[in-house]
């Protein structure tokens, strides 16, 4: 076996086309699709250790991803014989069209994609049935209670042995044309379902099923069990992850999200059609973002 090179790559994908990101038997996953392509290219024989290909953040089925990242280990002779542009093209051409391979870089052999500086998610609350847009300053007050270091036991599906404390660096409204469509949250790391449980508490605040004092109490007193439910995955986007030397690229597109139909005369079927349209719009936004990401310096072919 020859020398090995560790590569860092970034990807995006449509979450409703996969049964989550982590490999699972007999179902289509992001990691499984990447391994399928590396096997087809004969860049992996399936006999390496589990550390052959590792993703930075795990995502559930239905959760869309503008940008995630990971590492893959390949033969050094392969990496030395191909440009990053051709490497990306070879992988991306064979991937399912719902998964894009954006860029690739050589990193140190101990570089860990899970040791990120921070992660940013967006949740589109407007997509949920019966959402009522709150007054802007009131919404800011709701978001502010989640900022800082807290025990998020009541706002996560806590895995055995996991530290429930997480540091939320920032939470801001997600605005489109001067209206609140959701929120953007940035943290060093997140617990399983943390963002979706925060989203559901904000949703219930908006429709009056919860009072702010109840949400604050659940955050300040994690020893008292509270369950405010989990918001659906299809309105959640992992917007990006920042690592040392690799920041989250700025947003490059503007999506004019059509306002949801409202009023007493609105039928359930009309809202359902609007929701379906917004899901297509989110996907279009992601494809537009991916079209501007992962740029490589052009290298002309040498003439014979």
Protein backbone atom coordinates (compact mmCIF):
# COMPACT_ATOMS: atom_id res chain seq x y z
CA UNK A 1 0.00 0.00 0.00
CA UNK A 2 1.45 3.37 -1.05
CA UNK A 3 1.54 6.72 0.66
CA UNK A 4 -1.82 8.29 1.52
CA UNK A 5 -3.03 11.89 1.25
CA UNK A 6 -5.80 13.39 3.35
CA UNK A 7 -8.19 15.63 1.43
CA UNK A 8 -10.75 18.10 2.71
CA UNK A 9 -13.84 18.58 0.53
CA UNK A 10 -17.08 20.55 0.67
CA UNK A 11 -20.46 19.36 -0.57
CA UNK A 12 -24.13 20.41 -0.74
CA UNK A 13 -27.25 18.28 -1.05
CA UNK A 14 -31.04 18.14 -1.04
CA UNK A 15 -32.01 16.37 2.16
CA UNK A 16 -35.34 14.99 0.96
CA UNK A 17 -33.49 12.73 -1.48
CA UNK A 18 -31.47 10.94 1.23
CA UNK A 19 -32.12 9.00 4.43
CA UNK A 20 -29.76 11.32 6.31
CA UNK A 21 -26.06 11.93 5.87
CA UNK A 22 -24.46 9.05 7.79
CA UNK A 23 -24.19 5.67 6.10
CA UNK A 24 -26.94 3.16 6.92
CA UNK A 25 -27.56 -0.34 5.56
CA UNK A 26 -29.97 -0.72 2.61
CA UNK A 27 -30.95 2.98 2.32
CA UNK A 28 -29.61 5.90 0.28
CA UNK A 29 -27.44 8.27 2.32
CA UNK A 30 -25.00 11.07 1.49
CA UNK A 31 -21.98 9.20 2.84
CA UNK A 32 -23.06 6.03 1.06
CA UNK A 33 -23.44 7.88 -2.25
CA UNK A 34 -19.95 9.37 -1.92
CA UNK A 35 -18.48 5.96 -1.14
CA UNK A 36 -20.30 4.49 -4.15
CA UNK A 37 -18.68 7.05 -6.45
CA UNK A 38 -15.18 6.64 -4.99
CA UNK A 39 -15.54 2.88 -5.43
CA UNK A 40 -16.70 3.29 -9.04
CA UNK A 41 -13.70 5.52 -9.74
CA UNK A 42 -11.51 2.82 -8.15
CA UNK A 43 -10.21 5.40 -5.70
CA UNK A 44 -11.39 3.21 -2.80
CA UNK A 45 -11.55 -0.58 -2.58
CA UNK A 46 -13.85 -0.75 0.44
CA UNK A 47 -11.15 -2.23 2.68
CA UNK A 48 -9.99 0.97 4.34
CA UNK A 49 -10.89 1.88 7.90
CA UNK A 50 -14.01 3.88 8.77
CA UNK A 51 -11.87 7.03 8.75
CA UNK A 52 -11.54 6.78 4.94
CA UNK A 53 -14.43 9.22 4.50
CA UNK A 54 -15.84 11.33 7.36
CA UNK A 55 -18.42 14.13 7.21
CA UNK A 56 -18.28 17.16 9.47
CA UNK A 57 -21.95 17.47 10.45
CA UNK A 58 -24.64 14.81 10.56
CA UNK A 59 -28.01 15.76 9.12
CA UNK A 60 -31.37 14.02 9.32
CA UNK A 61 -33.47 12.96 6.35
CA UNK A 62 -35.20 15.98 4.84
CA UNK A 63 -32.66 18.58 6.00
CA UNK A 64 -31.19 20.52 3.07
CA UNK A 65 -27.51 21.51 3.05
CA UNK A 66 -25.99 24.48 1.31
CA UNK A 67 -22.50 23.49 2.46
CA UNK A 68 -21.18 20.63 4.59
CA UNK A 69 -17.66 19.26 4.53
CA UNK A 70 -15.60 16.19 5.19
CA UNK A 71 -12.34 14.37 4.60
CA UNK A 72 -11.37 11.51 2.35
CA UNK A 73 -8.08 9.59 2.22
CA UNK A 74 -6.69 8.60 -1.19
CA UNK A 75 -3.45 7.31 -2.62
CA UNK A 76 -0.87 10.11 -2.90
CA UNK A 77 -0.02 8.95 -6.43
CA UNK A 78 -3.62 9.65 -7.47
CA UNK A 79 -3.72 13.12 -5.92
CA UNK A 80 -0.34 14.05 -7.43
CA UNK A 81 -1.52 13.03 -10.90
CA UNK A 82 -4.72 15.07 -11.05
CA UNK A 83 -5.68 18.73 -10.59
CA UNK A 84 -8.31 19.70 -8.00
CA UNK A 85 -10.58 20.83 -10.83
CA UNK A 86 -10.43 17.40 -12.51
CA UNK A 87 -10.81 15.64 -9.17
CA UNK A 88 -14.03 17.56 -8.46
CA UNK A 89 -15.32 16.99 -11.98
CA UNK A 90 -14.66 13.24 -11.83
CA UNK A 91 -16.58 12.87 -8.57
CA UNK A 92 -19.40 15.30 -9.35
CA UNK A 93 -20.13 13.77 -12.77
CA UNK A 94 -20.98 10.42 -11.13
CA UNK A 95 -22.95 11.70 -8.14
CA UNK A 96 -26.70 11.71 -7.79
CA UNK A 97 -27.92 15.10 -9.07
CA UNK A 98 -29.20 15.97 -5.59
CA UNK A 99 -25.62 15.93 -4.23
CA UNK A 100 -22.88 18.29 -5.42
CA UNK A 101 -19.11 18.05 -4.85
CA UNK A 102 -17.90 21.66 -4.60
CA UNK A 103 -14.15 21.73 -3.93
CA UNK A 104 -11.21 19.78 -2.53
CA UNK A 105 -7.92 20.66 -0.77
CA UNK A 106 -4.98 18.74 0.64
CA UNK A 107 -4.75 18.96 4.46
CA UNK A 108 -2.54 17.57 7.22
CA UNK A 109 -3.03 13.93 8.15
CA UNK A 110 -4.50 14.87 11.54
CA UNK A 111 -6.95 17.47 10.16
CA UNK A 112 -10.39 16.79 11.64
CA UNK A 113 -13.50 18.12 9.81
CA UNK A 114 -15.59 17.84 12.96
CA UNK A 115 -13.42 20.43 14.73
CA UNK A 116 -15.15 23.41 13.13
CA UNK A 117 -15.05 27.02 14.34
CA UNK A 118 -18.81 27.35 14.01
CA UNK A 119 -21.88 26.17 12.11
CA UNK A 120 -24.80 28.20 10.75
CA UNK A 121 -28.36 26.96 10.16
CA UNK A 122 -31.43 28.66 8.72
CA UNK A 123 -34.98 27.62 9.51
CA UNK A 124 -37.94 28.84 7.43
CA UNK A 125 -40.71 29.18 10.02
CA UNK A 126 -43.05 30.67 7.43
CA UNK A 127 -43.31 27.24 5.83
CA UNK A 128 -45.09 25.77 8.85
CA UNK A 129 -48.88 25.59 8.99
CA UNK A 130 -50.54 28.46 10.93
CA UNK A 131 -47.29 30.45 11.42
CA UNK A 132 -48.06 34.04 12.41
CA UNK A 133 -45.36 36.61 11.79
CA UNK A 134 -44.57 38.40 15.07
CA UNK A 135 -43.60 42.01 15.51
CA UNK A 136 -39.89 42.44 14.70
CA UNK A 137 -38.68 43.62 18.13
CA UNK A 138 -40.72 40.94 19.87
CA UNK A 139 -39.12 38.29 17.67
CA UNK A 140 -35.67 39.66 18.50
CA UNK A 141 -36.51 39.22 22.18
CA UNK A 142 -37.54 35.61 21.62
CA UNK A 143 -34.31 34.85 19.74
CA UNK A 144 -32.10 36.56 22.32
CA UNK A 145 -32.89 34.04 25.07
CA UNK A 146 -31.11 31.29 23.13
CA UNK A 147 -27.89 33.26 22.66
CA UNK A 148 -24.94 32.33 24.88
CA UNK A 149 -23.95 29.14 26.66
CA UNK A 150 -26.89 27.10 27.96
CA UNK A 151 -27.87 23.58 28.92
CA UNK A 152 -30.07 22.57 25.98
CA UNK A 153 -31.39 19.32 27.45
CA UNK A 154 -34.99 20.44 26.89
CA UNK A 155 -34.20 21.56 23.33
CA UNK A 156 -32.53 18.44 21.95
CA UNK A 157 -32.70 14.70 21.58
CA UNK A 158 -29.84 14.11 23.97
CA UNK A 159 -27.59 11.18 23.12
CA UNK A 160 -26.04 9.14 25.91
CA UNK A 161 -22.81 10.70 27.14
CA UNK A 162 -23.27 13.98 25.26
CA UNK A 163 -22.58 17.24 27.06
CA UNK A 164 -25.88 19.18 26.91
CA UNK A 165 -24.15 22.57 27.10
CA UNK A 166 -23.75 24.41 23.82
CA UNK A 167 -22.61 27.94 22.98
CA UNK A 168 -24.91 29.78 20.57
CA UNK A 169 -22.89 32.63 19.12
CA UNK A 170 -25.70 34.47 17.37
CA UNK A 171 -29.40 34.23 16.45
CA UNK A 172 -30.95 36.63 13.96
CA UNK A 173 -34.21 36.91 12.00
CA UNK A 174 -34.15 35.56 8.46
CA UNK A 175 -35.65 38.45 6.50
CA UNK A 176 -37.06 38.52 2.98
CA UNK A 177 -38.48 41.79 1.64
CA UNK A 178 -38.87 43.31 5.13
CA UNK A 179 -40.76 40.35 6.56
CA UNK A 180 -39.68 37.59 8.92
CA UNK A 181 -39.58 34.19 7.20
CA UNK A 182 -37.53 32.41 9.86
CA UNK A 183 -34.26 32.66 11.73
CA UNK A 184 -30.53 32.07 11.32
CA UNK A 185 -28.58 30.53 14.20
CA UNK A 186 -24.82 30.17 14.58
CA UNK A 187 -23.03 28.06 17.17
CA UNK A 188 -19.81 26.21 17.78
CA UNK A 189 -21.75 22.94 17.62
CA UNK A 190 -25.32 21.71 17.98
CA UNK A 191 -27.05 18.77 19.61
CA UNK A 192 -29.33 16.36 17.75
CA UNK A 193 -32.62 18.15 16.89
CA UNK A 194 -31.51 21.30 18.75
CA UNK A 195 -32.30 23.75 15.94
CA UNK A 196 -35.60 22.07 15.08
CA UNK A 197 -36.72 22.12 18.74
CA UNK A 198 -35.79 25.78 19.06
CA UNK A 199 -37.74 26.37 15.84
CA UNK A 200 -40.84 24.66 17.20
CA UNK A 201 -40.74 26.70 20.40
CA UNK A 202 -40.56 29.90 18.30
CA UNK A 203 -43.44 28.68 16.18
CA UNK A 204 -45.58 27.99 19.25
CA UNK A 205 -44.73 31.42 20.60
CA UNK A 206 -45.95 32.93 17.33
CA UNK A 207 -49.37 31.24 17.50
CA UNK A 208 -49.80 31.84 21.23
CA UNK A 209 -49.53 28.23 22.40
CA UNK A 210 -46.49 29.13 24.50
CA UNK A 211 -45.49 32.13 26.58
CA UNK A 212 -41.93 33.41 26.61
CA UNK A 213 -41.66 32.67 30.35
CA UNK A 214 -42.29 28.97 29.66
CA UNK A 215 -39.51 28.80 27.08
CA UNK A 216 -37.10 30.69 29.35
CA UNK A 217 -37.92 28.35 32.23
CA UNK A 218 -37.22 25.26 30.10
CA UNK A 219 -33.84 26.74 29.21
CA UNK A 220 -32.91 27.87 32.72
CA UNK A 221 -34.17 24.71 34.47
CA UNK A 222 -33.07 21.74 32.35
CA UNK A 223 -33.67 19.40 35.31
CA UNK A 224 -37.43 19.97 34.84
CA UNK A 225 -38.37 18.02 31.75
CA UNK A 226 -40.16 19.98 29.02
CA UNK A 227 -40.99 18.96 25.46
CA UNK A 228 -42.16 21.64 23.04
CA UNK A 229 -41.97 19.31 20.04
CA UNK A 230 -39.78 19.12 16.95
CA UNK A 231 -40.32 21.25 13.85
CA UNK A 232 -40.35 19.38 10.50
CA UNK A 233 -36.97 18.83 8.79
CA UNK A 234 -37.86 20.10 5.32
CA UNK A 235 -37.64 23.79 6.31
CA UNK A 236 -34.17 23.45 7.85
CA UNK A 237 -30.99 24.30 5.92
CA UNK A 238 -27.43 23.73 7.10
CA UNK A 239 -26.20 26.99 5.59
CA UNK A 240 -22.50 26.48 6.15
CA UNK A 241 -19.60 25.47 8.38
CA UNK A 242 -16.46 27.47 9.09
CA UNK A 243 -13.10 25.81 9.71
CA UNK A 244 -9.69 27.35 10.31
CA UNK A 245 -8.72 28.67 6.89
CA UNK A 246 -12.12 27.95 5.35
CA UNK A 247 -14.85 30.47 6.15
CA UNK A 248 -18.51 30.19 5.18
CA UNK A 249 -18.87 31.81 1.74
CA UNK A 250 -21.25 34.79 1.71
CA UNK A 251 -24.71 34.44 0.25
CA UNK A 252 -24.53 35.01 -3.50
CA UNK A 253 -28.20 34.96 -4.51
CA UNK A 254 -31.39 36.71 -3.47
CA UNK A 255 -34.53 34.61 -3.35
CA UNK A 256 -37.82 36.49 -3.48
CA UNK A 257 -39.96 34.11 -1.43
CA UNK A 258 -43.64 34.66 -2.22
CA UNK A 259 -45.71 35.49 0.84
CA UNK A 260 -47.93 32.68 2.10
CA UNK A 261 -51.67 32.98 1.41
CA UNK A 262 -53.50 34.25 4.48
CA UNK A 263 -56.96 35.15 5.73
CA UNK A 264 -60.06 33.27 6.79
CA UNK A 265 -60.83 32.21 3.22
CA UNK A 266 -57.54 30.35 2.73
CA UNK A 267 -58.14 26.65 2.15
CA UNK A 268 -55.75 23.99 3.33
CA UNK A 269 -55.09 22.95 -0.27
CA UNK A 270 -53.93 26.48 -1.18
CA UNK A 271 -51.40 26.53 1.67
CA UNK A 272 -50.24 23.04 0.69
CA UNK A 273 -49.57 24.21 -2.89
CA UNK A 274 -47.73 27.26 -1.56
CA UNK A 275 -45.58 25.00 0.65
CA UNK A 276 -44.75 22.75 -2.28
CA UNK A 277 -43.77 25.80 -4.30
CA UNK A 278 -41.53 27.10 -1.53
CA UNK A 279 -39.74 23.75 -1.30
CA UNK A 280 -38.96 24.01 -5.01
CA UNK A 281 -37.84 27.60 -4.45
CA UNK A 282 -35.46 26.56 -1.66
CA UNK A 283 -33.97 23.93 -3.93
CA UNK A 284 -33.59 26.45 -6.76
CA UNK A 285 -31.87 28.83 -4.32
CA UNK A 286 -29.44 26.07 -3.32
CA UNK A 287 -28.61 25.17 -6.91
CA UNK A 288 -28.01 28.88 -7.63
CA UNK A 289 -25.70 29.08 -4.58
CA UNK A 290 -23.82 25.93 -5.62
CA UNK A 291 -23.35 27.37 -9.12
CA UNK A 292 -21.25 30.19 -7.63
CA UNK A 293 -19.31 28.11 -5.08
CA UNK A 294 -16.23 25.97 -5.56
CA UNK A 295 -14.43 28.14 -8.10
CA UNK A 296 -11.01 26.99 -9.27
CA UNK A 297 -8.25 28.90 -10.95
CA UNK A 298 -8.26 28.09 -14.66
CA UNK A 299 -5.17 26.23 -15.85
CA UNK A 300 -4.73 25.99 -19.61
CA UNK A 301 -3.64 22.68 -21.13
CA UNK A 302 0.01 22.59 -22.08
CA UNK A 303 0.60 22.31 -25.85
CA UNK A 304 2.46 19.34 -27.17
